């Protein structure tokens, strides 16, 4: 998603969906990695690790099959997932409402079940041709599953625990179904990255992310669990004086406070009232 607007305000920042792929580990090597306890590194030059996806807290994260392969996370309620808005957006800009599925704990063809998902709310419509960083800062979506996955503990949602000014420098982790790690057949985690700064309500972070990572949660340790402080959506580059893409700035995530109120409202609704599907007029 290119940012063709607001460049002067941001010193020439553009937003791009990550497109770089690296050499894949073999399937046999992936299987040997995930059979072991804990996690193991993929390569010396890459700090990401393959983890056992069906164990907490990673069992609350799964593969979303929408208009593209993305990552999504269960938050607050076992039936609520959050992801990036562009993951359910057609190239025409329309929102896909059918044929959306979520597989928590997905790993090498196995999972904790396959669930149908319905779109309940989005931050804004997304464009694949041009988009400003301000517009891209609303690239989030909330979906509800047709039933609750058994035995999965939802992630927390961080809204009040940290002020925006305190986020930079906090250590976070990013678990994602990245296409450059086993063709998104395993869950890999960047275990030691940070939020470097904020641009409007977008978090610029240092976690390694590639295609398939869109919608992945940025997790911060809170007490005995993990809280979502944002969801990864894109990579950010600076443009030169001629408007050409130049220097890589960092990866972008949507801050959790952008969608927190909607998630809390949906959680209360699921606890005591039928869920109503949002239609196109509401978008």
Protein backbone atom coordinates (compact mmCIF):
# COMPACT_ATOMS: atom_id res chain seq x y z
CA UNK A 1 0.00 0.00 0.00
CA UNK A 2 1.75 3.12 -1.15
CA UNK A 3 1.26 6.39 0.68
CA UNK A 4 0.86 8.98 -2.03
CA UNK A 5 -0.63 11.55 0.33
CA UNK A 6 0.79 13.25 3.41
CA UNK A 7 4.39 12.75 2.37
CA UNK A 8 5.48 16.26 3.24
CA UNK A 9 3.95 16.00 6.70
CA UNK A 10 5.90 12.84 7.41
CA UNK A 11 9.15 13.74 5.76
CA UNK A 12 8.58 11.50 2.78
CA UNK A 13 7.36 8.32 4.48
CA UNK A 14 5.62 5.72 2.38
CA UNK A 15 3.89 2.54 3.44
CA UNK A 16 4.42 -0.73 1.58
CA UNK A 17 3.17 -4.25 2.17
CA UNK A 18 6.28 -6.37 2.87
CA UNK A 19 7.37 -8.27 -0.22
CA UNK A 20 10.87 -9.64 0.40
CA UNK A 21 11.26 -13.43 0.60
CA UNK A 22 14.32 -15.36 1.78
CA UNK A 23 15.40 -18.97 1.42
CA UNK A 24 13.02 -21.42 3.13
CA UNK A 25 14.07 -24.12 5.58
CA UNK A 26 13.24 -27.63 4.37
CA UNK A 27 10.04 -29.29 5.61
CA UNK A 28 12.05 -32.02 7.35
CA UNK A 29 14.14 -29.46 9.22
CA UNK A 30 10.97 -27.63 10.27
CA UNK A 31 9.45 -30.85 11.58
CA UNK A 32 12.57 -31.57 13.63
CA UNK A 33 12.45 -28.07 15.08
CA UNK A 34 8.81 -28.14 16.20
CA UNK A 35 9.12 -31.59 17.79
CA UNK A 36 11.52 -30.21 20.39
CA UNK A 37 10.69 -28.41 23.62
CA UNK A 38 10.54 -24.63 23.61
CA UNK A 39 11.78 -22.84 20.52
CA UNK A 40 14.83 -22.93 18.28
CA UNK A 41 16.53 -20.38 16.08
CA UNK A 42 16.07 -20.52 12.30
CA UNK A 43 19.46 -19.17 11.28
CA UNK A 44 22.32 -17.25 12.81
CA UNK A 45 21.48 -14.11 10.87
CA UNK A 46 17.80 -14.27 11.80
CA UNK A 47 16.77 -14.05 15.46
CA UNK A 48 13.29 -15.39 14.79
CA UNK A 49 12.45 -18.74 16.33
CA UNK A 50 9.97 -21.46 15.43
CA UNK A 51 7.70 -22.21 18.39
CA UNK A 52 5.18 -24.92 19.21
CA UNK A 53 1.98 -23.25 18.03
CA UNK A 54 -0.57 -25.26 20.03
CA UNK A 55 0.90 -24.24 23.40
CA UNK A 56 -0.12 -21.13 25.34
CA UNK A 57 0.25 -18.25 24.66
CA UNK A 58 0.78 -19.10 20.98
CA UNK A 59 -2.39 -21.22 20.76
CA UNK A 60 -4.33 -17.92 20.76
CA UNK A 61 -2.64 -17.04 17.44
CA UNK A 62 -3.61 -18.59 14.13
CA UNK A 63 -3.57 -18.43 10.38
CA UNK A 64 -6.31 -16.32 8.78
CA UNK A 65 -7.39 -17.31 5.30
CA UNK A 66 -8.94 -14.18 3.83
CA UNK A 67 -8.09 -12.33 0.64
CA UNK A 68 -4.51 -13.37 1.41
CA UNK A 69 -2.74 -15.45 4.04
CA UNK A 70 -2.41 -13.44 7.24
CA UNK A 71 -2.02 -13.85 10.98
CA UNK A 72 -4.74 -13.14 13.55
CA UNK A 73 -5.02 -13.37 17.33
CA UNK A 74 -7.77 -14.26 19.79
CA UNK A 75 -8.30 -11.43 22.25
CA UNK A 76 -10.43 -11.05 25.42
CA UNK A 77 -13.08 -13.56 24.33
CA UNK A 78 -12.44 -16.97 22.66
CA UNK A 79 -14.64 -15.93 19.72
CA UNK A 80 -13.00 -12.55 18.99
CA UNK A 81 -10.01 -12.22 16.66
CA UNK A 82 -8.18 -9.12 15.44
CA UNK A 83 -6.15 -8.77 12.27
CA UNK A 84 -5.18 -6.22 9.61
CA UNK A 85 -7.99 -4.68 7.57
CA UNK A 86 -6.26 -5.30 4.26
CA UNK A 87 -6.33 -9.06 5.00
CA UNK A 88 -10.09 -9.06 4.29
CA UNK A 89 -9.96 -6.49 1.49
CA UNK A 90 -10.33 -7.38 -2.18
CA UNK A 91 -8.14 -5.62 -4.76
CA UNK A 92 -11.24 -3.63 -5.73
CA UNK A 93 -11.44 -2.25 -2.19
CA UNK A 94 -14.55 -4.29 -1.29
CA UNK A 95 -14.68 -6.11 2.05
CA UNK A 96 -14.89 -9.89 1.80
CA UNK A 97 -17.61 -11.22 4.09
CA UNK A 98 -17.67 -14.91 3.18
CA UNK A 99 -15.04 -17.64 2.88
CA UNK A 100 -13.05 -16.30 5.83
CA UNK A 101 -11.55 -18.94 8.09
CA UNK A 102 -9.25 -19.01 11.10
CA UNK A 103 -7.01 -21.87 12.26
CA UNK A 104 -5.60 -21.33 15.77
CA UNK A 105 -2.45 -23.19 16.71
CA UNK A 106 -1.75 -24.00 13.05
CA UNK A 107 1.43 -25.98 12.45
CA UNK A 108 2.44 -28.09 9.46
CA UNK A 109 -1.14 -28.87 8.41
CA UNK A 110 -2.52 -29.46 11.91
CA UNK A 111 -4.48 -27.00 14.04
CA UNK A 112 -6.86 -26.65 16.99
CA UNK A 113 -9.84 -26.54 14.64
CA UNK A 114 -11.01 -24.58 11.61
CA UNK A 115 -13.47 -21.77 12.36
CA UNK A 116 -15.57 -19.58 10.15
CA UNK A 117 -15.17 -15.86 10.80
CA UNK A 118 -17.52 -12.92 10.28
CA UNK A 119 -16.38 -9.31 9.98
CA UNK A 120 -17.82 -7.17 12.78
CA UNK A 121 -15.88 -3.91 12.42
CA UNK A 122 -13.02 -2.33 10.49
CA UNK A 123 -10.99 0.81 11.05
CA UNK A 124 -11.38 2.07 7.49
CA UNK A 125 -11.46 0.77 3.95
CA UNK A 126 -8.01 0.02 2.65
CA UNK A 127 -6.52 0.74 -0.76
CA UNK A 128 -3.84 -1.27 -2.54
CA UNK A 129 -3.02 1.54 -5.00
CA UNK A 130 -2.45 4.61 -2.85
CA UNK A 131 -2.81 5.41 0.81
CA UNK A 132 -1.40 7.90 3.29
CA UNK A 133 0.19 6.84 6.56
CA UNK A 134 -2.76 8.46 8.37
CA UNK A 135 -5.19 6.25 6.44
CA UNK A 136 -2.97 3.22 6.97
CA UNK A 137 -3.13 3.82 10.74
CA UNK A 138 -6.72 2.50 10.66
CA UNK A 139 -5.77 -0.80 8.98
CA UNK A 140 -7.46 -3.08 11.52
CA UNK A 141 -10.38 -5.49 11.56
CA UNK A 142 -12.34 -7.33 14.25
CA UNK A 143 -13.97 -10.65 13.43
CA UNK A 144 -16.14 -13.06 15.41
CA UNK A 145 -15.79 -16.83 15.14
CA UNK A 146 -18.75 -19.15 14.68
CA UNK A 147 -17.78 -20.97 17.89
CA UNK A 148 -15.13 -20.82 20.60
CA UNK A 149 -11.94 -22.91 20.22
CA UNK A 150 -11.69 -25.35 23.11
CA UNK A 151 -8.97 -24.78 25.69
CA UNK A 152 -7.52 -21.62 24.15
CA UNK A 153 -6.74 -18.76 26.52
CA UNK A 154 -7.41 -15.38 24.85
CA UNK A 155 -4.72 -12.74 24.90
CA UNK A 156 -5.24 -9.60 26.93
CA UNK A 157 -5.70 -6.20 25.34
CA UNK A 158 -3.43 -3.43 26.54
CA UNK A 159 -5.19 -0.08 26.59
CA UNK A 160 -4.55 1.62 29.92
CA UNK A 161 -1.43 -0.13 31.24
CA UNK A 162 1.01 1.96 29.21
CA UNK A 163 0.87 5.54 28.11
CA UNK A 164 1.81 6.12 24.48
CA UNK A 165 4.95 7.96 25.57
CA UNK A 166 6.09 4.88 27.54
CA UNK A 167 5.83 2.38 24.69
CA UNK A 168 9.07 3.22 22.85
CA UNK A 169 11.86 1.02 24.16
CA UNK A 170 9.59 -1.59 25.75
CA UNK A 171 10.56 -5.12 24.71
CA UNK A 172 7.87 -6.88 22.70
CA UNK A 173 7.54 -10.14 20.77
CA UNK A 174 5.97 -10.72 17.38
CA UNK A 175 4.57 -14.20 16.56
CA UNK A 176 3.53 -14.57 12.90
CA UNK A 177 2.88 -16.97 10.03
CA UNK A 178 5.55 -15.48 7.82
CA UNK A 179 5.80 -16.72 4.24
CA UNK A 180 9.59 -16.75 4.33
CA UNK A 181 9.60 -19.26 7.20
CA UNK A 182 8.41 -22.61 5.89
CA UNK A 183 5.86 -21.00 3.54
CA UNK A 184 3.77 -19.94 6.57
CA UNK A 185 3.38 -23.57 7.69
CA UNK A 186 4.84 -22.82 11.13
CA UNK A 187 4.58 -20.03 13.66
CA UNK A 188 7.79 -18.05 14.07
CA UNK A 189 8.48 -15.46 16.75
CA UNK A 190 10.79 -12.49 16.89
CA UNK A 191 11.52 -12.63 20.63
CA UNK A 192 13.36 -9.38 21.22
CA UNK A 193 12.23 -6.25 19.41
CA UNK A 194 10.85 -2.87 20.42
CA UNK A 195 8.58 -0.02 19.47
CA UNK A 196 10.93 2.71 18.30
CA UNK A 197 8.47 5.59 17.96
CA UNK A 198 4.91 6.58 17.08
CA UNK A 199 3.51 8.23 13.95
CA UNK A 200 -0.05 9.34 14.73
CA UNK A 201 -1.58 6.08 16.02
CA UNK A 202 0.85 3.85 14.14
CA UNK A 203 3.65 2.14 16.05
CA UNK A 204 6.98 1.90 14.24
CA UNK A 205 8.65 -1.28 15.48
CA UNK A 206 11.86 -3.22 14.94
CA UNK A 207 10.37 -6.75 14.77
CA UNK A 208 11.26 -8.76 11.67
CA UNK A 209 8.15 -9.15 9.50
CA UNK A 210 7.48 -10.51 6.03
CA UNK A 211 4.37 -11.39 3.96
CA UNK A 212 1.96 -13.42 6.05
CA UNK A 213 2.87 -11.37 9.13
CA UNK A 214 0.07 -8.87 8.49
CA UNK A 215 -2.34 -8.94 11.42
CA UNK A 216 0.21 -10.50 13.78
CA UNK A 217 0.01 -9.22 17.37
CA UNK A 218 2.76 -7.23 19.04
CA UNK A 219 2.81 -8.77 22.51
CA UNK A 220 3.94 -7.21 25.77
CA UNK A 221 4.33 -9.20 28.95
CA UNK A 222 1.72 -8.18 31.55
CA UNK A 223 1.65 -10.11 34.80
CA UNK A 224 1.22 -13.83 34.11
CA UNK A 225 0.03 -13.28 30.55
CA UNK A 226 0.59 -11.32 27.37
CA UNK A 227 -1.26 -8.25 26.15
CA UNK A 228 -1.63 -7.01 22.60
CA UNK A 229 -0.22 -3.50 22.17
CA UNK A 230 -0.69 -3.44 18.38
CA UNK A 231 -1.05 -5.49 15.20
CA UNK A 232 1.52 -5.52 12.42
CA UNK A 233 0.28 -4.18 9.08
CA UNK A 234 3.07 -2.95 6.79
CA UNK A 235 6.63 -1.75 6.26
CA UNK A 236 7.59 1.91 6.04
CA UNK A 237 10.10 3.45 3.63
CA UNK A 238 11.32 6.98 3.02
CA UNK A 239 11.08 8.47 -0.45
CA UNK A 240 13.81 10.52 -2.07
CA UNK A 241 13.39 13.99 -3.57
CA UNK A 242 12.04 12.49 -6.79
CA UNK A 243 9.43 10.44 -4.96
CA UNK A 244 11.21 7.11 -5.41
CA UNK A 245 11.28 4.58 -2.60
CA UNK A 246 14.60 4.80 -0.80
CA UNK A 247 15.48 4.02 2.81
CA UNK A 248 13.71 1.45 5.02
CA UNK A 249 12.35 3.15 8.16
CA UNK A 250 10.72 0.37 10.10
CA UNK A 251 7.65 -1.82 10.31
CA UNK A 252 4.25 -0.40 11.12
CA UNK A 253 1.68 -1.68 13.59
CA UNK A 254 -1.73 -0.31 14.55
CA UNK A 255 -1.86 0.65 18.22
CA UNK A 256 -4.31 -1.39 20.31
CA UNK A 257 -6.13 1.72 21.51
CA UNK A 258 -7.39 2.22 17.95
CA UNK A 259 -9.66 -0.83 18.23
CA UNK A 260 -9.86 -1.42 22.00
CA UNK A 261 -13.30 0.14 22.52
CA UNK A 262 -14.79 -1.97 19.73
CA UNK A 263 -13.27 -5.18 21.14
CA UNK A 264 -14.49 -4.45 24.66
CA UNK A 265 -17.99 -3.67 23.35
CA UNK A 266 -18.09 -6.90 21.35
CA UNK A 267 -16.85 -8.90 24.34
CA UNK A 268 -19.68 -7.53 26.47
CA UNK A 269 -22.15 -8.33 23.70
CA UNK A 270 -20.93 -11.93 23.40
CA UNK A 271 -21.30 -12.35 27.15
CA UNK A 272 -24.96 -11.39 27.18
CA UNK A 273 -26.57 -10.76 23.81
CA UNK A 274 -26.73 -12.17 20.26
CA UNK A 275 -24.07 -10.94 17.87
CA UNK A 276 -25.32 -8.88 14.95
CA UNK A 277 -23.40 -8.97 11.69
CA UNK A 278 -22.18 -5.62 10.44
CA UNK A 279 -23.29 -4.94 6.87
CA UNK A 280 -21.67 -2.92 4.13
CA UNK A 281 -23.62 0.21 4.97
CA UNK A 282 -21.85 0.33 8.34
CA UNK A 283 -18.48 0.42 6.62
